[in-house]
Amino acid sequence: MSSGIRIFDVDDLKRILKEGVGADESVDLEGDILDLDFEALGYESLAMLETGTRIEREFGITLDDETLTETATPRSLIEAVNASLRSVPTA
C-alpha cells in the first residue's frame, strides 16, 4: 500500500542533472556520487539553480535558493527535496 508521497532519489537527480546542464565528460554520474561535492562533479551554483528549477517543476515543490547553493552533495540535496515532498499535503 502506497502512502501517496513521492520520493526523490539519486536516479531522479542524475536524470535531472543530465537533462538540465549535461554532465562533465570526466565525471561518471553512474558511479557512487552521493557524497561527492557538486563542484567536484562539475556543477557550480548556476547549474544548481537550474537543477533546482527543474526539480521544483517536476515534483511540485519549492526549494529556496540557499538550499540549492549551500547543499554540497547529492545526498544532502536528495534529503532536502524529500523533506520538502513530505511537507506537501497529499490528496
PDB file of N, CA and C in Angstrom:
ATOM      1  N   MET A   1       0.839  -1.184   0.000  1.00  0.00           N
ATOM      2  CA  MET A   1       0.000   0.000   0.000  1.00  0.00           C
ATOM      3  C   MET A   1       0.878   1.240   0.000  1.00  0.00           C
ATOM      4  N   SER A   2       0.641   2.155  -0.906  1.00  0.00           N
ATOM      5  CA  SER A   2       1.444   3.370  -1.049  1.00  0.00           C
ATOM      6  C   SER A   2       0.920   4.474  -0.163  1.00  0.00           C
ATOM      7  N   SER A   3       1.849   5.265   0.402  1.00  0.00           N
ATOM      8  CA  SER A   3       1.457   6.376   1.257  1.00  0.00           C
ATOM      9  C   SER A   3       1.070   7.592   0.438  1.00  0.00           C
ATOM     10  N   GLY A   4       1.308   7.573  -0.880  1.00  0.00           N
ATOM     11  CA  GLY A   4       0.966   8.693  -1.732  1.00  0.00           C
ATOM     12  C   GLY A   4       2.053   9.756  -1.782  1.00  0.00           C
ATOM     13  N   ILE A   5       3.098   9.603  -1.003  1.00  0.00           N
ATOM     14  CA  ILE A   5       4.190  10.570  -1.003  1.00  0.00           C
ATOM     15  C   ILE A   5       5.213  10.133  -2.038  1.00  0.00           C
ATOM     16  N   ARG A   6       5.518  11.023  -2.950  1.00  0.00           N
ATOM     17  CA  ARG A   6       6.517  10.727  -3.973  1.00  0.00           C
ATOM     18  C   ARG A   6       7.910  10.867  -3.360  1.00  0.00           C
ATOM     19  N   ILE A   7       8.804  10.028  -3.758  1.00  0.00           N
ATOM     20  CA  ILE A   7      10.173  10.036  -3.258  1.00  0.00           C
ATOM     21  C   ILE A   7      11.110  10.485  -4.373  1.00  0.00           C
ATOM     22  N   PHE A   8      12.039  11.358  -4.034  1.00  0.00           N
ATOM     23  CA  PHE A   8      13.081  11.822  -4.945  1.00  0.00           C
ATOM     24  C   PHE A   8      14.326  11.018  -4.630  1.00  0.00           C
ATOM     25  N   ASP A   9      14.895  10.352  -5.644  1.00  0.00           N
ATOM     26  CA  ASP A   9      16.064   9.508  -5.376  1.00  0.00           C
ATOM     27  C   ASP A   9      17.234   9.893  -6.271  1.00  0.00           C
ATOM     28  N   VAL A  10      18.332   9.198  -6.102  1.00  0.00           N
ATOM     29  CA  VAL A  10      19.559   9.529  -6.837  1.00  0.00           C
ATOM     30  C   VAL A  10      19.365   9.379  -8.341  1.00  0.00           C
ATOM     31  N   ASP A  11      18.545   8.458  -8.777  1.00  0.00           N
ATOM     32  CA  ASP A  11      18.290   8.306 -10.210  1.00  0.00           C
ATOM     33  C   ASP A  11      17.544   9.520 -10.762  1.00  0.00           C
ATOM     34  N   ASP A  12      16.586  10.052  -9.988  1.00  0.00           N
ATOM     35  CA  ASP A  12      15.900  11.286 -10.391  1.00  0.00           C
ATOM     36  C   ASP A  12      16.908  12.423 -10.517  1.00  0.00           C
ATOM     37  N   LEU A  13      17.789  12.546  -9.530  1.00  0.00           N
ATOM     38  CA  LEU A  13      18.780  13.616  -9.540  1.00  0.00           C
ATOM     39  C   LEU A  13      19.718  13.493 -10.744  1.00  0.00           C
ATOM     40  N   LYS A  14      20.222  12.307 -11.003  1.00  0.00           N
ATOM     41  CA  LYS A  14      21.126  12.108 -12.139  1.00  0.00           C
ATOM     42  C   LYS A  14      20.436  12.479 -13.443  1.00  0.00           C
ATOM     43  N   ARG A  15      19.201  12.054 -13.610  1.00  0.00           N
ATOM     44  CA  ARG A  15      18.449  12.352 -14.830  1.00  0.00           C
ATOM     45  C   ARG A  15      18.279  13.857 -15.001  1.00  0.00           C
ATOM     46  N   ILE A  16      17.898  14.538 -13.927  1.00  0.00           N
ATOM     47  CA  ILE A  16      17.666  15.980 -13.995  1.00  0.00           C
ATOM     48  C   ILE A  16      18.972  16.732 -14.246  1.00  0.00           C
ATOM     49  N   LEU A  17      20.059  16.303 -13.619  1.00  0.00           N
ATOM     50  CA  LEU A  17      21.351  16.939 -13.864  1.00  0.00           C
ATOM     51  C   LEU A  17      21.732  16.810 -15.333  1.00  0.00           C
ATOM     52  N   LYS A  18      21.575  15.622 -15.890  1.00  0.00           N
ATOM     53  CA  LYS A  18      21.939  15.388 -17.293  1.00  0.00           C
ATOM     54  C   LYS A  18      21.041  16.176 -18.236  1.00  0.00           C
ATOM     55  N   GLU A  19      19.733  16.206 -17.970  1.00  0.00           N
ATOM     56  CA  GLU A  19      18.796  16.915 -18.830  1.00  0.00           C
ATOM     57  C   GLU A  19      19.014  18.419 -18.775  1.00  0.00           C
ATOM     58  N   GLY A  20      19.302  18.926 -17.590  1.00  0.00           N
ATOM     59  CA  GLY A  20      19.380  20.369 -17.397  1.00  0.00           C
ATOM     60  C   GLY A  20      20.667  20.996 -17.853  1.00  0.00           C
ATOM     61  N   VAL A  21      21.763  20.490 -17.377  1.00  0.00           N
ATOM     62  CA  VAL A  21      23.041  21.142 -17.662  1.00  0.00           C
ATOM     63  C   VAL A  21      24.068  20.176 -18.221  1.00  0.00           C
ATOM     64  N   GLY A  22      23.673  18.959 -18.460  1.00  0.00           N
ATOM     65  CA  GLY A  22      24.590  17.981 -19.022  1.00  0.00           C
ATOM     66  C   GLY A  22      25.499  17.392 -17.961  1.00  0.00           C
ATOM     67  N   ALA A  23      26.471  16.657 -18.406  1.00  0.00           N
ATOM     68  CA  ALA A  23      27.419  16.024 -17.497  1.00  0.00           C
ATOM     69  C   ALA A  23      28.821  16.247 -18.021  1.00  0.00           C
ATOM     70  N   ASP A  24      29.705  16.599 -17.124  1.00  0.00           N
ATOM     71  CA  ASP A  24      31.120  16.747 -17.469  1.00  0.00           C
ATOM     72  C   ASP A  24      31.614  15.380 -17.924  1.00  0.00           C
ATOM     73  N   GLU A  25      32.263  15.335 -19.075  1.00  0.00           N
ATOM     74  CA  GLU A  25      32.718  14.053 -19.610  1.00  0.00           C
ATOM     75  C   GLU A  25      33.717  13.345 -18.704  1.00  0.00           C
ATOM     76  N   SER A  26      34.385  14.096 -17.837  1.00  0.00           N
ATOM     77  CA  SER A  26      35.377  13.484 -16.947  1.00  0.00           C
ATOM     78  C   SER A  26      34.749  12.918 -15.677  1.00  0.00           C
ATOM     79  N   VAL A  27      33.441  13.129 -15.503  1.00  0.00           N
ATOM     80  CA  VAL A  27      32.750  12.675 -14.285  1.00  0.00           C
ATOM     81  C   VAL A  27      31.803  11.532 -14.630  1.00  0.00           C
ATOM     82  N   ASP A  28      31.870  10.472 -13.846  1.00  0.00           N
ATOM     83  CA  ASP A  28      30.989   9.320 -14.038  1.00  0.00           C
ATOM     84  C   ASP A  28      29.796   9.443 -13.098  1.00  0.00           C
ATOM     85  N   LEU A  29      28.682   9.960 -13.607  1.00  0.00           N
ATOM     86  CA  LEU A  29      27.485  10.085 -12.775  1.00  0.00           C
ATOM     87  C   LEU A  29      26.874   8.729 -12.449  1.00  0.00           C
ATOM     88  N   GLU A  30      27.301   7.698 -13.145  1.00  0.00           N
ATOM     89  CA  GLU A  30      26.757   6.364 -12.879  1.00  0.00           C
ATOM     90  C   GLU A  30      27.426   5.709 -11.674  1.00  0.00           C
ATOM     91  N   GLY A  31      28.506   6.268 -11.210  1.00  0.00           N
ATOM     92  CA  GLY A  31      29.186   5.731 -10.037  1.00  0.00           C
ATOM     93  C   GLY A  31      28.496   6.182  -8.758  1.00  0.00           C
ATOM     94  N   ASP A  32      29.143   5.940  -7.641  1.00  0.00           N
ATOM     95  CA  ASP A  32      28.614   6.342  -6.342  1.00  0.00           C
ATOM     96  C   ASP A  32      28.944   7.814  -6.117  1.00  0.00           C
ATOM     97  N   ILE A  33      27.963   8.684  -6.358  1.00  0.00           N
ATOM     98  CA  ILE A  33      28.186  10.122  -6.275  1.00  0.00           C
ATOM     99  C   ILE A  33      27.573  10.763  -5.046  1.00  0.00           C
ATOM    100  N   LEU A  34      26.872   9.997  -4.229  1.00  0.00           N
ATOM    101  CA  LEU A  34      26.084  10.579  -3.144  1.00  0.00           C
ATOM    102  C   LEU A  34      26.854  11.527  -2.234  1.00  0.00           C
ATOM    103  N   ASP A  35      28.104  11.244  -1.954  1.00  0.00           N
ATOM    104  CA  ASP A  35      28.844  12.063  -1.010  1.00  0.00           C
ATOM    105  C   ASP A  35      29.952  12.899  -1.654  1.00  0.00           C
ATOM    106  N   LEU A  36      29.923  13.002  -2.980  1.00  0.00           N
ATOM    107  CA  LEU A  36      30.872  13.869  -3.676  1.00  0.00           C
ATOM    108  C   LEU A  36      30.308  15.283  -3.731  1.00  0.00           C
ATOM    109  N   ASP A  37      31.179  16.281  -3.652  1.00  0.00           N
ATOM    110  CA  ASP A  37      30.734  17.666  -3.784  1.00  0.00           C
ATOM    111  C   ASP A  37      30.235  17.915  -5.194  1.00  0.00           C
ATOM    112  N   PHE A  38      29.175  18.728  -5.312  1.00  0.00           N
ATOM    113  CA  PHE A  38      28.680  19.075  -6.641  1.00  0.00           C
ATOM    114  C   PHE A  38      29.770  19.738  -7.473  1.00  0.00           C
ATOM    115  N   GLU A  39      30.600  20.566  -6.846  1.00  0.00           N
ATOM    116  CA  GLU A  39      31.689  21.214  -7.583  1.00  0.00           C
ATOM    117  C   GLU A  39      32.638  20.179  -8.175  1.00  0.00           C
ATOM    118  N   ALA A  40      32.930  19.122  -7.428  1.00  0.00           N
ATOM    119  CA  ALA A  40      33.797  18.053  -7.937  1.00  0.00           C
ATOM    120  C   ALA A  40      33.141  17.316  -9.103  1.00  0.00           C
ATOM    121  N   LEU A  41      31.822  17.347  -9.134  1.00  0.00           N
ATOM    122  CA  LEU A  41      31.071  16.717 -10.220  1.00  0.00           C
ATOM    123  C   LEU A  41      30.908  17.652 -11.420  1.00  0.00           C
ATOM    124  N   GLY A  42      31.384  18.896 -11.268  1.00  0.00           N
ATOM    125  CA  GLY A  42      31.314  19.850 -12.363  1.00  0.00           C
ATOM    126  C   GLY A  42      30.088  20.743 -12.369  1.00  0.00           C
ATOM    127  N   TYR A  43      29.368  20.827 -11.253  1.00  0.00           N
ATOM    128  CA  TYR A  43      28.148  21.634 -11.177  1.00  0.00           C
ATOM    129  C   TYR A  43      28.361  22.789 -10.209  1.00  0.00           C
ATOM    130  N   GLU A  44      28.420  24.024 -10.762  1.00  0.00           N
ATOM    131  CA  GLU A  44      28.586  25.205  -9.931  1.00  0.00           C
ATOM    132  C   GLU A  44      27.214  25.771  -9.553  1.00  0.00           C
ATOM    133  N   SER A  45      27.188  26.894  -8.872  1.00  0.00           N
ATOM    134  CA  SER A  45      25.941  27.414  -8.304  1.00  0.00           C
ATOM    135  C   SER A  45      24.860  27.682  -9.351  1.00  0.00           C
ATOM    136  N   LEU A  46      25.210  28.230 -10.512  1.00  0.00           N
ATOM    137  CA  LEU A  46      24.183  28.469 -11.535  1.00  0.00           C
ATOM    138  C   LEU A  46      23.589  27.163 -12.043  1.00  0.00           C
ATOM    139  N   ALA A  47      24.405  26.158 -12.200  1.00  0.00           N
ATOM    140  CA  ALA A  47      23.905  24.843 -12.611  1.00  0.00           C
ATOM    141  C   ALA A  47      22.973  24.273 -11.546  1.00  0.00           C
ATOM    142  N   MET A  48      23.290  24.517 -10.293  1.00  0.00           N
ATOM    143  CA  MET A  48      22.447  24.009  -9.215  1.00  0.00           C
ATOM    144  C   MET A  48      21.104  24.745  -9.172  1.00  0.00           C
ATOM    145  N   LEU A  49      21.112  26.036  -9.481  1.00  0.00           N
ATOM    146  CA  LEU A  49      19.843  26.774  -9.536  1.00  0.00           C
ATOM    147  C   LEU A  49      18.969  26.242 -10.674  1.00  0.00           C
ATOM    148  N   GLU A  50      19.568  25.936 -11.814  1.00  0.00           N
ATOM    149  CA  GLU A  50      18.820  25.344 -12.923  1.00  0.00           C
ATOM    150  C   GLU A  50      18.280  23.972 -12.534  1.00  0.00           C
ATOM    151  N   THR A  51      19.098  23.190 -11.860  1.00  0.00           N
ATOM    152  CA  THR A  51      18.674  21.869 -11.385  1.00  0.00           C
ATOM    153  C   THR A  51      17.495  22.014 -10.427  1.00  0.00           C
ATOM    154  N   GLY A  52      17.583  22.973  -9.530  1.00  0.00           N
ATOM    155  CA  GLY A  52      16.502  23.212  -8.575  1.00  0.00           C
ATOM    156  C   GLY A  52      15.200  23.591  -9.262  1.00  0.00           C
ATOM    157  N   THR A  53      15.280  24.426 -10.279  1.00  0.00           N
ATOM    158  CA  THR A  53      14.090  24.826 -11.026  1.00  0.00           C
ATOM    159  C   THR A  53      13.428  23.613 -11.659  1.00  0.00           C
ATOM    160  N   ARG A  54      14.235  22.731 -12.215  1.00  0.00           N
ATOM    161  CA  ARG A  54      13.700  21.522 -12.837  1.00  0.00           C
ATOM    162  C   ARG A  54      13.063  20.595 -11.791  1.00  0.00           C
ATOM    163  N   ILE A  55      13.695  20.467 -10.628  1.00  0.00           N
ATOM    164  CA  ILE A  55      13.137  19.637  -9.551  1.00  0.00           C
ATOM    165  C   ILE A  55      11.799  20.221  -9.109  1.00  0.00           C
ATOM    166  N   GLU A  56      11.762  21.531  -8.885  1.00  0.00           N
ATOM    167  CA  GLU A  56      10.525  22.183  -8.438  1.00  0.00           C
ATOM    168  C   GLU A  56       9.384  21.956  -9.425  1.00  0.00           C
ATOM    169  N   ARG A  57       9.686  22.140 -10.685  1.00  0.00           N
ATOM    170  CA  ARG A  57       8.663  21.991 -11.726  1.00  0.00           C
ATOM    171  C   ARG A  57       8.154  20.552 -11.797  1.00  0.00           C
ATOM    172  N   GLU A  58       9.063  19.607 -11.772  1.00  0.00           N
ATOM    173  CA  GLU A  58       8.669  18.200 -11.918  1.00  0.00           C
ATOM    174  C   GLU A  58       7.971  17.647 -10.678  1.00  0.00           C
ATOM    175  N   PHE A  59       8.414  18.064  -9.499  1.00  0.00           N
ATOM    176  CA  PHE A  59       7.901  17.482  -8.265  1.00  0.00           C
ATOM    177  C   PHE A  59       6.890  18.363  -7.543  1.00  0.00           C
ATOM    178  N   GLY A  60       6.623  19.560  -8.058  1.00  0.00           N
ATOM    179  CA  GLY A  60       5.600  20.427  -7.483  1.00  0.00           C
ATOM    180  C   GLY A  60       5.938  20.955  -6.104  1.00  0.00           C
ATOM    181  N   ILE A  61       7.214  21.266  -5.881  1.00  0.00           N
ATOM    182  CA  ILE A  61       7.644  21.804  -4.598  1.00  0.00           C
ATOM    183  C   ILE A  61       8.394  23.106  -4.829  1.00  0.00           C
ATOM    184  N   THR A  62       8.710  23.787  -3.731  1.00  0.00           N
ATOM    185  CA  THR A  62       9.518  24.995  -3.790  1.00  0.00           C
ATOM    186  C   THR A  62      10.739  24.792  -2.918  1.00  0.00           C
ATOM    187  N   LEU A  63      11.903  25.046  -3.497  1.00  0.00           N
ATOM    188  CA  LEU A  63      13.164  24.976  -2.758  1.00  0.00           C
ATOM    189  C   LEU A  63      13.735  26.382  -2.708  1.00  0.00           C
ATOM    190  N   ASP A  64      14.210  26.804  -1.552  1.00  0.00           N
ATOM    191  CA  ASP A  64      14.797  28.138  -1.505  1.00  0.00           C
ATOM    192  C   ASP A  64      16.196  28.115  -2.107  1.00  0.00           C
ATOM    193  N   ASP A  65      16.631  29.277  -2.572  1.00  0.00           N
ATOM    194  CA  ASP A  65      17.934  29.373  -3.242  1.00  0.00           C
ATOM    195  C   ASP A  65      19.066  28.907  -2.351  1.00  0.00           C
ATOM    196  N   GLU A  66      18.973  29.161  -1.045  1.00  0.00           N
ATOM    197  CA  GLU A  66      20.029  28.724  -0.126  1.00  0.00           C
ATOM    198  C   GLU A  66      20.168  27.206  -0.117  1.00  0.00           C
ATOM    199  N   THR A  67      19.069  26.505  -0.186  1.00  0.00           N
ATOM    200  CA  THR A  67      19.127  25.046  -0.232  1.00  0.00           C
ATOM    201  C   THR A  67      19.928  24.600  -1.443  1.00  0.00           C
ATOM    202  N   LEU A  68      19.716  25.271  -2.562  1.00  0.00           N
ATOM    203  CA  LEU A  68      20.381  24.871  -3.799  1.00  0.00           C
ATOM    204  C   LEU A  68      21.839  25.299  -3.858  1.00  0.00           C
ATOM    205  N   THR A  69      22.162  26.443  -3.291  1.00  0.00           N
ATOM    206  CA  THR A  69      23.539  26.925  -3.384  1.00  0.00           C
ATOM    207  C   THR A  69      24.405  26.446  -2.225  1.00  0.00           C
ATOM    208  N   GLU A  70      23.792  26.063  -1.120  1.00  0.00           N
ATOM    209  CA  GLU A  70      24.565  25.634   0.041  1.00  0.00           C
ATOM    210  C   GLU A  70      24.560  24.125   0.253  1.00  0.00           C
ATOM    211  N   THR A  71      23.768  23.407  -0.529  1.00  0.00           N
ATOM    212  CA  THR A  71      23.744  21.953  -0.448  1.00  0.00           C
ATOM    213  C   THR A  71      24.947  21.441  -1.224  1.00  0.00           C
ATOM    214  N   ALA A  72      25.873  20.811  -0.511  1.00  0.00           N
ATOM    215  CA  ALA A  72      27.163  20.475  -1.107  1.00  0.00           C
ATOM    216  C   ALA A  72      27.189  19.145  -1.846  1.00  0.00           C
ATOM    217  N   THR A  73      26.341  18.198  -1.451  1.00  0.00           N
ATOM    218  CA  THR A  73      26.425  16.857  -2.029  1.00  0.00           C
ATOM    219  C   THR A  73      25.061  16.384  -2.540  1.00  0.00           C
ATOM    220  N   PRO A  74      25.059  15.442  -3.451  1.00  0.00           N
ATOM    221  CA  PRO A  74      23.795  14.860  -3.890  1.00  0.00           C
ATOM    222  C   PRO A  74      22.972  14.308  -2.718  1.00  0.00           C
ATOM    223  N   ARG A  75      23.630  13.653  -1.758  1.00  0.00           N
ATOM    224  CA  ARG A  75      22.893  13.093  -0.616  1.00  0.00           C
ATOM    225  C   ARG A  75      22.122  14.188   0.125  1.00  0.00           C
ATOM    226  N   SER A  76      22.776  15.323   0.386  1.00  0.00           N
ATOM    227  CA  SER A  76      22.107  16.385   1.141  1.00  0.00           C
ATOM    228  C   SER A  76      20.995  17.039   0.319  1.00  0.00           C
ATOM    229  N   LEU A  77      21.161  17.146  -0.998  1.00  0.00           N
ATOM    230  CA  LEU A  77      20.090  17.696  -1.829  1.00  0.00           C
ATOM    231  C   LEU A  77      18.904  16.739  -1.871  1.00  0.00           C
ATOM    232  N   ILE A  78      19.160  15.461  -2.022  1.00  0.00           N
ATOM    233  CA  ILE A  78      18.081  14.463  -2.026  1.00  0.00           C
ATOM    234  C   ILE A  78      17.303  14.523  -0.707  1.00  0.00           C
ATOM    235  N   GLU A  79      18.007  14.635   0.405  1.00  0.00           N
ATOM    236  CA  GLU A  79      17.342  14.744   1.713  1.00  0.00           C
ATOM    237  C   GLU A  79      16.488  16.004   1.793  1.00  0.00           C
ATOM    238  N   ALA A  80      16.999  17.130   1.283  1.00  0.00           N
ATOM    239  CA  ALA A  80      16.243  18.387   1.310  1.00  0.00           C
ATOM    240  C   ALA A  80      14.994  18.299   0.443  1.00  0.00           C
ATOM    241  N   VAL A  81      15.124  17.704  -0.736  1.00  0.00           N
ATOM    242  CA  VAL A  81      13.967  17.560  -1.627  1.00  0.00           C
ATOM    243  C   VAL A  81      12.925  16.649  -0.984  1.00  0.00           C
ATOM    244  N   ASN A  82      13.344  15.537  -0.409  1.00  0.00           N
ATOM    245  CA  ASN A  82      12.387  14.632   0.227  1.00  0.00           C
ATOM    246  C   ASN A  82      11.714  15.260   1.440  1.00  0.00           C
ATOM    247  N   ALA A  83      12.439  16.096   2.188  1.00  0.00           N
ATOM    248  CA  ALA A  83      11.821  16.807   3.312  1.00  0.00           C
ATOM    249  C   ALA A  83      10.739  17.745   2.786  1.00  0.00           C
ATOM    250  N   SER A  84      11.006  18.388   1.676  1.00  0.00           N
ATOM    251  CA  SER A  84      10.026  19.273   1.065  1.00  0.00           C
ATOM    252  C   SER A  84       8.825  18.483   0.550  1.00  0.00           C
ATOM    253  N   LEU A  85       9.078  17.340  -0.055  1.00  0.00           N
ATOM    254  CA  LEU A  85       7.992  16.488  -0.546  1.00  0.00           C
ATOM    255  C   LEU A  85       7.090  16.011   0.587  1.00  0.00           C
ATOM    256  N   ARG A  86       7.691  15.701   1.736  1.00  0.00           N
ATOM    257  CA  ARG A  86       6.894  15.230   2.876  1.00  0.00           C
ATOM    258  C   ARG A  86       5.985  16.327   3.418  1.00  0.00           C
ATOM    259  N   SER A  87       6.332  17.595   3.189  1.00  0.00           N
ATOM    260  CA  SER A  87       5.529  18.690   3.724  1.00  0.00           C
ATOM    261  C   SER A  87       4.374  19.077   2.784  1.00  0.00           C
ATOM    262  N   VAL A  88       4.352  18.492   1.581  1.00  0.00           N
ATOM    263  CA  VAL A  88       3.276  18.781   0.627  1.00  0.00           C
ATOM    264  C   VAL A  88       2.060  17.935   1.007  1.00  0.00           C
ATOM    265  N   PRO A  89       0.901  18.579   1.183  1.00  0.00           N
ATOM    266  CA  PRO A  89      -0.302  17.798   1.512  1.00  0.00           C
ATOM    267  C   PRO A  89      -0.673  16.853   0.378  1.00  0.00           C
ATOM    268  N   THR A  90      -1.074  15.649   0.729  1.00  0.00           N
ATOM    269  CA  THR A  90      -1.491  14.673  -0.278  1.00  0.00           C
ATOM    270  C   THR A  90      -3.001  14.715  -0.413  1.00  0.00           C
ATOM    271  N   ALA A  91      -3.461  14.373  -1.604  1.00  0.00           N
ATOM    272  CA  ALA A  91      -4.903  14.402  -1.873  1.00  0.00           C
ATOM    273  C   ALA A  91      -5.580  13.174  -1.323  1.00  0.00           C
TER     274      ALA A  91
END
